[in-house]
Protein backbone atom coordinates (compact mmCIF):
# COMPACT_ATOMS: atom_id res chain seq x y z
CA MET A 1 0.00 0.00 0.00
CA LEU A 2 1.40 3.39 -1.05
CA GLY A 3 0.36 6.89 0.04
CA SER A 4 -3.36 7.14 0.76
CA GLY A 5 -4.06 3.61 -0.43
CA LEU A 6 -5.37 4.60 -3.86
CA ILE A 7 -2.27 3.15 -5.49
CA GLU A 8 -1.43 -0.47 -4.80
CA ARG A 9 1.56 -2.57 -5.69
CA GLY A 10 0.74 -6.01 -7.00
CA SER A 11 -0.99 -7.93 -9.75
CA ALA A 12 -4.46 -6.73 -8.72
CA GLY A 13 -3.70 -2.99 -8.81
CA VAL A 14 -1.58 -0.23 -10.29
CA TYR A 15 2.10 0.05 -9.52
CA PHE A 16 5.22 1.93 -10.60
CA LEU A 17 8.38 0.49 -12.06
CA ASN A 18 11.69 2.31 -12.32
CA ASP A 19 14.76 0.93 -14.04
CA GLY A 20 17.01 3.88 -13.27
CA THR A 21 16.13 5.63 -16.53
CA VAL A 22 12.36 5.69 -16.84
CA THR A 23 9.44 5.38 -14.42
CA THR A 24 6.57 3.27 -15.79
CA ILE A 25 2.98 3.14 -14.55
CA MET A 26 1.78 -0.44 -14.83
CA GLY A 27 -1.86 -1.51 -14.73
CA ILE A 28 -3.81 -4.73 -15.00
CA ALA A 29 -3.50 -6.44 -18.37
CA GLY A 30 -6.51 -5.67 -20.57
CA ASP A 31 -7.60 -2.60 -18.53
CA TYR A 32 -6.90 0.92 -19.78
CA ILE A 33 -5.64 3.60 -17.40
CA ARG A 34 -7.97 6.52 -16.69
CA ILE A 35 -7.26 9.92 -15.12
CA GLY A 36 -10.50 11.31 -13.74
CA ASP A 37 -13.89 9.63 -13.59
CA ALA A 38 -16.12 11.86 -15.74
CA THR A 39 -16.54 9.33 -18.53
CA THR A 40 -15.40 6.03 -19.97
CA THR A 41 -13.71 5.23 -23.26
CA GLY A 42 -15.53 6.01 -26.47
CA HIS A 43 -12.89 4.41 -28.67
CA SER A 44 -12.63 0.87 -27.33
CA LEU A 45 -9.50 1.36 -25.22
CA SER A 46 -8.65 -2.10 -23.90
CA SER A 47 -4.99 -2.25 -22.96
CA GLU A 48 -2.90 -1.34 -19.94
CA ASP A 49 -0.93 0.76 -22.42
CA ASP A 50 -4.00 2.92 -23.20
CA LEU A 51 -4.73 6.16 -21.34
CA LEU A 52 -7.96 8.14 -21.02
CA VAL A 53 -8.04 11.70 -19.64
CA THR A 54 -11.65 12.48 -18.86
CA ASN A 55 -11.38 16.27 -19.05
CA ASP A 56 -8.99 18.96 -20.25
CA LEU A 57 -5.35 18.15 -20.90
CA GLU A 58 -2.75 20.90 -21.10
CA VAL A 59 0.67 20.35 -22.64
CA ASP A 60 2.95 23.37 -22.34
CA GLY A 61 5.69 21.80 -24.45
CA VAL A 62 5.74 19.88 -27.71
CA ALA A 63 3.28 16.99 -28.13
CA TYR A 64 4.73 14.16 -30.19
CA LEU A 65 2.01 12.04 -31.81
CA ASP A 66 3.96 9.23 -33.43
CA GLY A 67 0.99 7.05 -34.34
CA GLY A 68 -2.31 7.82 -36.04
CA CYS A 69 -4.07 10.93 -34.75
CA THR A 70 -7.84 11.38 -34.53
CA VAL A 71 -9.28 14.74 -33.43
CA ASP A 72 -13.03 14.95 -32.76
CA ALA A 73 -14.03 18.54 -32.03
CA GLY A 74 -17.71 17.70 -31.91
CA ALA A 75 -19.84 20.54 -33.29
CA THR A 76 -17.10 23.16 -32.89
CA ASP A 77 -13.98 24.12 -34.84
CA ALA A 78 -10.67 22.47 -34.04
CA GLY A 79 -8.19 25.31 -33.55
CA ILE A 80 -4.49 25.66 -34.29
CA TYR A 81 -2.99 28.93 -33.07
CA THR A 82 0.37 30.59 -33.62
CA THR A 83 1.77 34.06 -32.93
CA GLY A 84 4.36 33.93 -35.69
CA GLY A 85 3.99 35.88 -38.92
CA TRP A 86 3.54 33.62 -41.96
CA ARG A 87 3.32 30.63 -39.63
CA GLY A 88 0.50 28.13 -39.38
CA LEU A 89 0.11 24.48 -40.32
CA TYR A 90 3.18 22.70 -41.69
CA LEU A 91 2.75 19.19 -43.09
CA GLN A 92 5.68 17.10 -44.28
CA ARG A 93 5.67 13.71 -45.93
CA THR A 94 8.81 11.81 -44.94
CA GLY A 95 8.67 9.04 -47.56
CA ASP A 96 11.59 9.13 -50.00
CA ASP A 97 9.71 8.58 -53.25
CA ASN A 98 7.79 10.55 -55.89
CA ALA A 99 4.35 10.26 -54.26
CA GLY A 100 3.03 13.66 -53.23
CA PHE A 101 1.54 14.82 -49.95
CA ARG A 102 -2.23 14.33 -49.91
CA ILE A 103 -4.82 16.27 -47.96
CA LYS A 104 -8.08 14.30 -48.08
CA ILE A 105 -11.34 15.76 -46.79
CA HIS A 106 -14.49 13.65 -46.71
CA LEU A 107 -18.12 14.76 -46.41
CA ASN A 108 -20.11 11.94 -44.80
CA SER A 109 -23.55 12.72 -46.23
CA ALA A 110 -26.31 10.11 -46.45
CA SER A 111 -28.09 12.10 -49.18
CA PRO A 112 -25.48 13.72 -51.46
CA ALA A 113 -26.81 16.06 -54.12
CA ALA A 114 -25.54 18.32 -56.87
CA GLY A 115 -24.37 21.61 -55.41
CA ASP A 116 -23.17 20.12 -52.11
CA THR A 117 -19.89 21.64 -50.90
CA LEU A 118 -17.32 18.98 -50.05
CA VAL A 119 -14.61 21.32 -48.83
CA SER A 120 -14.23 25.07 -48.43
CA MET A 121 -10.97 26.93 -47.87
CA MET A 122 -12.10 30.25 -46.46
CA GLY A 123 -10.26 33.48 -45.73
CA THR A 124 -11.56 35.73 -42.94
CA GLY A 125 -10.25 38.91 -41.35
CA LYS A 126 -11.27 42.13 -39.66
CA ASP A 127 -12.96 45.09 -41.29
CA ASP A 128 -12.34 48.72 -40.26
CA ALA A 129 -15.01 48.34 -37.55
CA ALA A 130 -13.05 45.43 -35.98
CA ALA A 131 -15.74 42.93 -36.98
CA THR A 132 -14.68 39.54 -38.38
CA GLN A 133 -15.69 39.17 -42.02
CA GLU A 134 -15.33 36.53 -44.72
CA TYR A 135 -13.44 37.81 -47.76
CA GLY A 136 -13.39 34.77 -50.01
CA ASP A 137 -13.26 31.00 -50.26
CA PHE A 138 -12.41 28.18 -52.64
CA ARG A 139 -14.83 25.24 -52.85
CA ILE A 140 -14.79 21.71 -54.24
CA MET A 141 -18.38 20.70 -54.90
CA ILE A 142 -20.57 17.93 -56.26
CA GLU A 143 -21.74 18.51 -59.82
CA ASP A 144 -23.39 15.11 -60.27
CA GLU A 145 -23.81 12.52 -57.52
CA THR A 146 -24.84 9.66 -59.83
CA ALA A 147 -23.23 6.36 -58.85
CA ALA A 148 -21.64 3.76 -61.14
CA GLY A 149 -19.19 6.10 -62.83
CA GLY A 150 -21.49 9.07 -63.29
CA HIS A 151 -20.27 11.15 -60.35
CA SER A 152 -18.69 14.49 -61.25
CA GLY A 153 -17.17 17.38 -59.35
CA LYS A 154 -16.64 21.08 -59.91
CA MET A 155 -14.74 23.96 -58.32
CA GLU A 156 -15.84 27.45 -57.39
CA TRP A 157 -13.92 30.55 -56.33
CA HIS A 158 -15.96 33.00 -54.23
CA ASN A 159 -14.96 36.58 -53.42
CA PHE A 160 -16.96 39.05 -51.38
CA LEU A 161 -17.93 41.99 -53.57
CA ASN A 162 -19.33 45.08 -51.84
CA GLY A 163 -20.22 43.01 -48.79
CA GLY A 164 -21.90 40.17 -50.69
CA ASP A 165 -20.78 36.74 -51.83
CA ASN A 166 -19.82 36.72 -55.52
CA THR A 167 -19.12 33.53 -57.45
CA ALA A 168 -16.14 34.99 -59.26
CA MET A 169 -15.05 31.84 -61.14
CA THR A 170 -16.18 28.25 -61.67
CA LEU A 171 -14.57 25.22 -63.30
CA SER A 172 -16.94 22.45 -64.35
CA ALA A 173 -16.17 18.73 -64.47
CA ALA A 174 -15.82 19.02 -68.25
CA GLY A 175 -13.23 21.79 -67.88
CA ILE A 176 -15.50 24.70 -68.80
CA LEU A 177 -14.19 27.86 -67.16
CA SER A 178 -16.62 30.63 -66.26
CA VAL A 179 -15.50 34.01 -64.92
CA ASP A 180 -17.38 37.08 -63.71
CA GLU A 181 -15.40 39.38 -65.99
CA THR A 182 -17.59 42.43 -65.46
CA GLY A 183 -18.18 42.16 -61.70
CA VAL A 184 -21.95 41.84 -62.00
CA GLY A 185 -22.20 38.73 -59.82
CA ALA A 186 -22.72 36.21 -62.61
CA ALA A 187 -19.93 34.09 -64.08
CA ALA A 188 -20.02 33.54 -67.84
CA GLN A 189 -18.08 30.98 -69.86
CA VAL A 190 -14.74 32.10 -71.22
CA ASP A 191 -12.64 30.32 -73.81
CA LEU A 192 -9.03 29.57 -73.09
CA PHE A 193 -8.19 30.91 -76.55
CA ASP A 194 -10.63 33.80 -76.83
CA ASP A 195 -8.50 36.71 -77.95
CA TYR A 196 -6.10 37.35 -80.80
CA ASP A 197 -3.49 38.40 -78.25
CA ASP A 198 -3.53 34.83 -76.92
CA ALA A 199 -2.66 33.58 -80.38
CA LEU A 200 0.21 36.04 -80.60
CA MET A 201 1.52 34.91 -77.20
CA LEU A 202 1.40 31.27 -78.26
CA LYS A 203 3.12 32.10 -81.55
CA MET A 204 5.84 34.00 -79.70
CA GLY A 205 6.29 31.16 -77.25
CA VAL A 206 6.66 28.57 -79.98
CA GLN A 207 8.86 30.60 -82.33
CA GLU A 208 11.20 31.85 -79.63
CA ARG A 209 11.16 28.56 -77.70
CA ASN A 210 9.94 30.53 -74.72
CA HIS A 211 9.23 27.53 -72.53
CA ASP A 212 8.54 29.57 -69.41
CA LEU A 213 5.76 31.45 -71.20
CA LEU A 214 4.20 28.19 -72.36
CA VAL A 215 4.43 26.83 -68.82
CA GLU A 216 2.59 29.91 -67.50
CA MET A 217 -0.12 29.35 -70.11
CA GLY A 218 -0.46 25.71 -69.03
CA VAL A 219 0.54 24.34 -72.42
CA PHE A 220 3.83 22.96 -71.11
CA SER A 221 4.86 21.67 -67.69
CA GLN A 222 8.42 21.44 -66.44
CA LYS A 223 9.68 18.23 -64.86
CA GLU A 224 12.11 18.04 -61.94
CA ASP A 225 15.01 17.24 -64.27
CA GLY A 226 14.42 20.50 -66.19
CA ARG A 227 12.83 18.95 -69.26
CA TYR A 228 9.54 20.24 -70.64
CA MET A 229 6.47 18.15 -71.42
CA MET A 230 3.49 19.19 -73.53
CA ASN A 231 0.09 19.03 -71.86
CA ILE A 232 -2.14 17.54 -74.54
CA GLN A 233 -5.53 18.78 -73.34
CA PRO A 234 -4.59 22.47 -72.97
CA MET A 235 -2.77 22.36 -76.32
CA THR A 236 -5.81 20.77 -77.98
CA ARG A 237 -8.04 23.47 -76.55
CA LEU A 238 -5.69 26.16 -77.73
CA LEU A 239 -5.63 24.73 -81.24
CA ALA A 240 -9.40 24.33 -81.28
CA GLY A 241 -9.81 27.85 -79.94
CA GLY A 242 -7.46 29.11 -82.64
CA ILE A 243 -9.63 27.48 -85.31
CA TYR A 244 -12.77 29.03 -83.84
CA GLN A 245 -11.05 32.40 -83.56
CA ASN A 246 -9.86 32.27 -87.17
CA ARG A 247 -13.36 31.33 -88.31
CA ALA A 248 -14.81 34.25 -86.37
CA MET A 249 -12.28 36.60 -87.95
CA ILE A 250 -13.11 35.26 -91.43
CA ASP A 251 -16.84 35.69 -90.82
CA ARG A 252 -16.30 39.25 -89.59
CA LEU A 253 -14.11 40.03 -92.60
CA GLU A 254 -16.78 38.67 -94.95
CA ARG A 255 -19.39 40.90 -93.34
CA GLU A 256 -17.15 43.94 -93.60
CA LEU A 257 -16.39 43.24 -97.29
CA ALA A 258 -20.09 42.78 -97.98
CA GLU A 259 -20.85 46.13 -96.38
CA ILE A 260 -18.11 47.78 -98.44
CA LYS A 261 -19.60 46.36 -101.65
CA ARG A 262 -23.08 47.54 -100.72
CA GLY A 263 -21.72 51.00 -99.91
């Protein structure tokens, strides 16, 4: 019996072991260790190596979570706070291969529908009256929830315009880009190759082997070894857009010539 008798030494209780380097709290095999008595495990703790803290836990140093980590904030936001400028959440994948770091967010809805928002990355800040306001957000959404290969997604970029939410840009599952070019609150489809200046830029990029320009336009991408690779879909759209643009110019020229003849 130790102290007040709440801690026992023996196979039927809790005891401490010290090997000169580390002190270990040992419990009964198959029973988890609990600090406090406000609740019991909600995650099937079942080992003397498991620990439940039934209320708040404060760590004033660094917390090392070397296994899987599950955070359940209930119906509130889970917060990460820092006082450093340009500091926040840093994620690093330690595998030494070419697989990228993945951030996966899942919406567990029993009745998914077109228009549902799966994830929103929102930016908020103060206004000049010290009130917290939303200034914009990026969303990944459901465009079609049909099962068996029919499901489709889309993306939306929202900016607050004069105090109201404005869908500034959307990208459909088929790759159709719509932009609110005039700031009226309604995004309209724009073509990737919709201006003669675009054609001149592409021509300059090809003739002068300006790879960086083509990378900025999305036609090329640069690999880690410095080589350039053509992106087939953007190039196809550019070529198709060029054909449409040339046809539009021919049609306009025909109309102008016809007017000249009539004059």
